[in-house]
C-alpha atoms as a PDB file:
ATOM      1  CA  UNK A   1       0.000   0.000   0.000  1.00  0.00           C
ATOM      2  CA  UNK A   2       2.858   2.363   0.807  1.00  0.00           C
ATOM      3  CA  UNK A   3       4.527   1.708  -2.538  1.00  0.00           C
ATOM      4  CA  UNK A   4       1.261   2.307  -4.384  1.00  0.00           C
ATOM      5  CA  UNK A   5       0.770   5.599  -2.552  1.00  0.00           C
ATOM      6  CA  UNK A   6       4.321   6.606  -3.484  1.00  0.00           C
ATOM      7  CA  UNK A   7       3.624   5.721  -7.105  1.00  0.00           C
ATOM      8  CA  UNK A   8       0.503   7.879  -7.136  1.00  0.00           C
ATOM      9  CA  UNK A   9       2.332  10.831  -5.579  1.00  0.00           C
ATOM     10  CA  UNK A  10       5.307  10.550  -7.932  1.00  0.00           C
ATOM     11  CA  UNK A  11       2.967  10.363 -10.936  1.00  0.00           C
ATOM     12  CA  UNK A  12       1.120  13.480  -9.795  1.00  0.00           C
ATOM     13  CA  UNK A  13       4.376  15.391  -9.330  1.00  0.00           C
ATOM     14  CA  UNK A  14       5.597  14.142 -12.715  1.00  0.00           C
ATOM     15  CA  UNK A  15       2.531  15.541 -14.482  1.00  0.00           C
ATOM     16  CA  UNK A  16       2.889  18.828 -12.596  1.00  0.00           C
ATOM     17  CA  UNK A  17       6.472  19.177 -13.845  1.00  0.00           C
ATOM     18  CA  UNK A  18       5.397  18.287 -17.376  1.00  0.00           C
ATOM     19  CA  UNK A  19       2.664  20.931 -17.325  1.00  0.00           C
ATOM     20  CA  UNK A  20       5.145  23.551 -16.156  1.00  0.00           C
ATOM     21  CA  UNK A  21       7.882  22.482 -18.569  1.00  0.00           C
ATOM     22  CA  UNK A  22       5.628  22.706 -21.622  1.00  0.00           C
ATOM     23  CA  UNK A  23       4.009  26.048 -20.718  1.00  0.00           C
ATOM     24  CA  UNK A  24       6.492  28.473 -22.272  1.00  0.00           C
ATOM     25  CA  UNK A  25       4.483  31.622 -21.512  1.00  0.00           C
ATOM     26  CA  UNK A  26       4.410  30.726 -17.803  1.00  0.00           C
ATOM     27  CA  UNK A  27       8.152  30.102 -17.757  1.00  0.00           C
ATOM     28  CA  UNK A  28       8.973  33.385 -19.534  1.00  0.00           C
ATOM     29  CA  UNK A  29       6.693  35.389 -17.238  1.00  0.00           C
ATOM     30  CA  UNK A  30       7.716  33.836 -13.903  1.00  0.00           C
ATOM     31  CA  UNK A  31      11.174  32.303 -14.230  1.00  0.00           C
ATOM     32  CA  UNK A  32      14.125  34.184 -12.825  1.00  0.00           C
ATOM     33  CA  UNK A  33      16.521  31.482 -13.991  1.00  0.00           C
ATOM     34  CA  UNK A  34      17.378  31.322 -17.688  1.00  0.00           C
ATOM     35  CA  UNK A  35      17.425  27.503 -17.762  1.00  0.00           C
ATOM     36  CA  UNK A  36      14.045  27.023 -16.059  1.00  0.00           C
ATOM     37  CA  UNK A  37      12.707  24.845 -18.876  1.00  0.00           C
ATOM     38  CA  UNK A  38      15.735  22.559 -18.614  1.00  0.00           C
ATOM     39  CA  UNK A  39      15.340  22.360 -14.831  1.00  0.00           C
ATOM     40  CA  UNK A  40      11.679  21.372 -15.120  1.00  0.00           C
ATOM     41  CA  UNK A  41      12.434  18.737 -17.735  1.00  0.00           C
ATOM     42  CA  UNK A  42      15.302  17.380 -15.640  1.00  0.00           C
ATOM     43  CA  UNK A  43      12.896  17.100 -12.702  1.00  0.00           C
ATOM     44  CA  UNK A  44      10.448  15.233 -14.917  1.00  0.00           C
ATOM     45  CA  UNK A  45      13.187  12.771 -15.897  1.00  0.00           C
ATOM     46  CA  UNK A  46      14.098  12.206 -12.242  1.00  0.00           C
ATOM     47  CA  UNK A  47      10.474  11.575 -11.367  1.00  0.00           C
ATOM     48  CA  UNK A  48      10.204   9.106 -14.224  1.00  0.00           C
ATOM     49  CA  UNK A  49      13.116   7.192 -12.728  1.00  0.00           C
ATOM     50  CA  UNK A  50      11.461   7.286  -9.290  1.00  0.00           C
ATOM     51  CA  UNK A  51       8.239   5.956 -10.789  1.00  0.00           C
ATOM     52  CA  UNK A  52      10.066   3.087 -12.463  1.00  0.00           C
ATOM     53  CA  UNK A  53      11.824   2.247  -9.192  1.00  0.00           C
ATOM     54  CA  UNK A  54       8.478   2.157  -7.403  1.00  0.00           C
ATOM     55  CA  UNK A  55       7.077  -0.179 -10.037  1.00  0.00           C
ATOM     56  CA  UNK A  56      10.156  -2.404  -9.677  1.00  0.00           C
ATOM     57  CA  UNK A  57       9.874  -2.447  -5.881  1.00  0.00           C
ATOM     58  CA  UNK A  58       6.177  -3.232  -6.110  1.00  0.00           C
ATOM     59  CA  UNK A  59       6.978  -6.199  -8.320  1.00  0.00           C
ATOM     60  CA  UNK A  60       9.553  -7.426  -5.791  1.00  0.00           C
ATOM     61  CA  UNK A  61       6.977  -7.224  -3.008  1.00  0.00           C
ATOM     62  CA  UNK A  62       4.444  -9.139  -5.086  1.00  0.00           C
ATOM     63  CA  UNK A  63       7.013 -11.815  -5.900  1.00  0.00           C
ATOM     64  CA  UNK A  64       7.971 -12.118  -2.223  1.00  0.00           C
ATOM     65  CA  UNK A  65       4.394 -12.645  -1.101  1.00  0.00           C
ATOM     66  CA  UNK A  66       3.661 -15.017  -3.958  1.00  0.00           C
ATOM     67  CA  UNK A  67       6.599 -17.228  -2.944  1.00  0.00           C
ATOM     68  CA  UNK A  68       5.320 -17.680   0.613  1.00  0.00           C
END
């Protein structure tokens, strides 16, 4: 249950970063850093990795309980 909750949270944060990274007018109006688009896309990549790790860990938990 904890891993599923983490997956849901990481997916929500991933989509938030994607919405910010693709909204160029928002970035130009509010960003004080010149590489804000890169930073948002880098964050989206990190959250993708986190999501994949959660899926992997969930599979390990399922395999562990199935073996018992």
